[in-house]
C-alpha atoms as a PDB file:
ATOM      1  CA  MET A   1      64.065  26.648  -5.539  1.00  0.00           C
ATOM      2  CA  GLU A   2      66.321  24.817  -3.202  1.00  0.00           C
ATOM      3  CA  PHE A   3      64.799  21.462  -1.552  1.00  0.00           C
ATOM      4  CA  CYS A   4      67.895  19.894  -0.070  1.00  0.00           C
ATOM      5  CA  ASP A   5      66.992  21.054   3.397  1.00  0.00           C
ATOM      6  CA  ALA A   6      62.911  21.427   3.247  1.00  0.00           C
ATOM      7  CA  ILE A   7      59.687  20.553   4.786  1.00  0.00           C
ATOM      8  CA  PHE A   8      56.973  19.084   2.734  1.00  0.00           C
ATOM      9  CA  ILE A   9      53.421  19.037   4.322  1.00  0.00           C
ATOM     10  CA  VAL A  10      50.488  16.938   2.864  1.00  0.00           C
ATOM     11  CA  THR A  11      47.482  19.544   1.979  1.00  0.00           C
ATOM     12  CA  GLU A  12      45.219  17.294   0.461  1.00  0.00           C
ATOM     13  CA  GLU A  13      44.497  13.284   0.872  1.00  0.00           C
ATOM     14  CA  ARG A  14      42.106  10.958  -1.340  1.00  0.00           C
ATOM     15  CA  GLN A  15      42.157   7.564  -0.236  1.00  0.00           C
ATOM     16  CA  CYS A  16      46.195   7.482   0.405  1.00  0.00           C
ATOM     17  CA  PRO A  17      46.728   4.171   2.132  1.00  0.00           C
ATOM     18  CA  ILE A  18      49.506   5.700   4.336  1.00  0.00           C
ATOM     19  CA  TYR A  19      49.451   9.289   4.720  1.00  0.00           C
ATOM     20  CA  ASN A  20      47.038  11.830   5.961  1.00  0.00           C
ATOM     21  CA  VAL A  21      46.390  15.736   5.789  1.00  0.00           C
ATOM     22  CA  GLY A  22      49.115  17.607   8.085  1.00  0.00           C
ATOM     23  CA  ASP A  23      51.946  14.719   7.610  1.00  0.00           C
ATOM     24  CA  GLU A  24      55.277  16.262   7.145  1.00  0.00           C
ATOM     25  CA  PHE A  25      58.343  14.955   5.107  1.00  0.00           C
ATOM     26  CA  LYS A  26      61.371  16.289   6.042  1.00  0.00           C
ATOM     27  CA  VAL A  27      64.419  16.528   3.890  1.00  0.00           C
ATOM     28  CA  ALA A  28      67.568  17.192   5.542  1.00  0.00           C
ATOM     29  CA  ARG A  29      70.884  16.959   2.907  1.00  0.00           C
ATOM     30  CA  ASP A  30      70.402  13.182   1.582  1.00  0.00           C
ATOM     31  CA  ILE A  31      67.920  12.016   4.306  1.00  0.00           C
ATOM     32  CA  LEU A  32      63.915  11.921   4.120  1.00  0.00           C
ATOM     33  CA  THR A  33      62.106  11.527   7.463  1.00  0.00           C
ATOM     34  CA  VAL A  34      58.387  10.331   7.186  1.00  0.00           C
ATOM     35  CA  PRO A  35      56.107  10.795  10.115  1.00  0.00           C
ATOM     36  CA  GLU A  36      56.715   8.350  12.722  1.00  0.00           C
ATOM     37  CA  ILE A  37      55.002   4.659  12.898  1.00  0.00           C
ATOM     38  CA  LYS A  38      54.328   5.444   9.231  1.00  0.00           C
ATOM     39  CA  PRO A  39      56.171   3.185   6.339  1.00  0.00           C
ATOM     40  CA  ALA A  40      58.270   5.167   3.717  1.00  0.00           C
ATOM     41  CA  CYS A  41      56.153   4.700   0.311  1.00  0.00           C
ATOM     42  CA  LEU A  42      58.656   4.292  -2.421  1.00  0.00           C
ATOM     43  CA  ILE A  43      56.804   5.973  -4.873  1.00  0.00           C
ATOM     44  CA  LEU A  44      56.731   8.900  -2.655  1.00  0.00           C
ATOM     45  CA  VAL A  45      60.023   8.525  -2.021  1.00  0.00           C
ATOM     46  CA  ARG A  46      60.782   8.520  -5.776  1.00  0.00           C
ATOM     47  CA  GLN A  47      58.543  11.772  -6.063  1.00  0.00           C
ATOM     48  CA  ILE A  48      60.394  13.612  -3.577  1.00  0.00           C
ATOM     49  CA  LEU A  49      63.816  12.456  -4.766  1.00  0.00           C
ATOM     50  CA  ARG A  50      62.704  14.055  -8.431  1.00  0.00           C
ATOM     51  CA  ILE A  51      61.728  17.676  -6.672  1.00  0.00           C
ATOM     52  CA  THR A  52      64.775  17.593  -4.378  1.00  0.00           C
ATOM     53  CA  THR A  53      67.223  16.907  -7.754  1.00  0.00           C
ATOM     54  CA  GLY A  54      65.107  19.238  -9.758  1.00  0.00           C
ATOM     55  CA  GLN A  55      63.876  16.689 -12.067  1.00  0.00           C
ATOM     56  CA  SER A  56      60.013  17.547 -11.292  1.00  0.00           C
ATOM     57  CA  VAL A  57      57.974  20.425 -12.767  1.00  0.00           C
ATOM     58  CA  LEU A  58      56.549  22.875 -10.192  1.00  0.00           C
ATOM     59  CA  GLN A  59      53.139  23.764  -9.878  1.00  0.00           C
ATOM     60  CA  HIS A  60      52.459  27.263  -8.145  1.00  0.00           C
ATOM     61  CA  SER A  61      49.718  28.667  -6.498  1.00  0.00           C
ATOM     62  CA  SER A  62      49.390  32.299  -5.303  1.00  0.00           C
ATOM     63  CA  VAL A  63      47.432  33.444  -2.433  1.00  0.00           C
ATOM     64  CA  PHE A  64      47.705  37.333  -1.855  1.00  0.00           C
ATOM     65  CA  GLY A  65      51.029  37.407  -4.168  1.00  0.00           C
ATOM     66  CA  LEU A  66      52.682  34.506  -1.839  1.00  0.00           C
ATOM     67  CA  GLN A  67      53.474  31.547  -4.038  1.00  0.00           C
ATOM     68  CA  LYS A  68      53.848  28.104  -2.816  1.00  0.00           C
ATOM     69  CA  ALA A  69      55.386  25.116  -4.513  1.00  0.00           C
ATOM     70  CA  LYS A  70      52.887  22.311  -4.910  1.00  0.00           C
ATOM     71  CA  PHE A  71      53.353  18.578  -5.862  1.00  0.00           C
ATOM     72  CA  GLU A  72      51.413  15.501  -6.082  1.00  0.00           C
ATOM     73  CA  CYS A  73      52.052  11.991  -5.735  1.00  0.00           C
ATOM     74  CA  GLY A  74      49.133   9.352  -7.168  1.00  0.00           C
ATOM     75  CA  GLY A  75      51.187   6.326  -8.260  1.00  0.00           C
ATOM     76  CA  CYS A  76      49.296   3.908  -6.217  1.00  0.00           C
ATOM     77  CA  SER A  77      45.389   3.625  -5.431  1.00  0.00           C
ATOM     78  CA  GLY A  78      45.399   6.989  -3.676  1.00  0.00           C
ATOM     79  CA  LEU A  79      46.343  10.425  -4.023  1.00  0.00           C
ATOM     80  CA  ILE A  80      47.970  13.088  -1.769  1.00  0.00           C
ATOM     81  CA  ARG A  81      48.946  16.709  -2.721  1.00  0.00           C
ATOM     82  CA  PHE A  82      51.882  18.423  -0.776  1.00  0.00           C
ATOM     83  CA  GLU A  83      53.230  21.296  -0.562  1.00  0.00           C
ATOM     84  CA  PHE A  84      56.750  23.368   0.286  1.00  0.00           C
ATOM     85  CA  LYS A  85      57.217  24.930   3.617  1.00  0.00           C
ATOM     86  CA  LYS A  86      60.067  26.607   4.368  1.00  0.00           C
ATOM     87  CA  GLU A  87      62.530  25.183   6.963  1.00  0.00           C
ATOM     88  CA  ARG A  88      61.602  26.263  10.287  1.00  0.00           C
ATOM     89  CA  GLU A  89      61.441  24.282  13.734  1.00  0.00           C
ATOM     90  CA  TYR A  90      58.143  23.056  12.946  1.00  0.00           C
ATOM     91  CA  ALA A  91      55.369  23.333  10.283  1.00  0.00           C
ATOM     92  CA  THR A  92      51.974  22.277  11.846  1.00  0.00           C
ATOM     93  CA  THR A  93      50.309  23.327  14.946  1.00  0.00           C
ATOM     94  CA  GLN A  94      50.428  19.553  16.320  1.00  0.00           C
ATOM     95  CA  MET A  95      54.007  19.446  16.530  1.00  0.00           C
ATOM     96  CA  LYS A  96      54.409  22.803  17.752  1.00  0.00           C
ATOM     97  CA  LEU A  97      52.425  22.030  20.593  1.00  0.00           C
ATOM     98  CA  LEU A  98      54.281  18.636  21.215  1.00  0.00           C
ATOM     99  CA  ALA A  99      57.620  20.817  21.253  1.00  0.00           C
ATOM    100  CA  ALA A 100      56.137  23.156  24.037  1.00  0.00           C
ATOM    101  CA  ALA A 101      55.029  20.510  26.088  1.00  0.00           C
ATOM    102  CA  ASP A 102      58.479  18.780  25.863  1.00  0.00           C
ATOM    103  CA  LYS A 103      59.852  22.056  26.516  1.00  0.00           C
ATOM    104  CA  ARG A 104      57.723  22.518  29.770  1.00  0.00           C
ATOM    105  CA  LYS A 105      58.833  18.669  30.973  1.00  0.00           C
ATOM    106  CA  GLY A 106      62.359  19.457  30.658  1.00  0.00           C
ATOM    107  CA  HIS A 107      61.977  22.655  32.401  1.00  0.00           C
ATOM    108  CA  HIS A 108      60.128  20.897  35.261  1.00  0.00           C
ATOM    109  CA  GLU A 109      63.111  18.348  35.128  1.00  0.00           C
ATOM    110  CA  LEU A 110      65.424  20.757  35.788  1.00  0.00           C
ATOM    111  CA  GLU A 111      63.952  22.246  38.758  1.00  0.00           C
END
């Protein structure tokens, strides 16, 4: 499985001091983008680096025959579990709504 251009989404959070369920991390070539206004956790960066370079063991879960690659980061006082999402415009409803609002705003500015 190739993760050099991927979106990872937090699916579970237990007392993580930085990230919440629904937060997305985007990997594009050699660049990691974390949610705006949140710092980049170096422990998570190290974990994602292991994933993208093939050094991390995958955990797979299956729902109706669809397998999802799942990972976790628990190197500090908290824990998050996150999974691989296929590359697409946006993976969460919140980001899709924001993109739609931006598109409408741009359309009205053109008129």
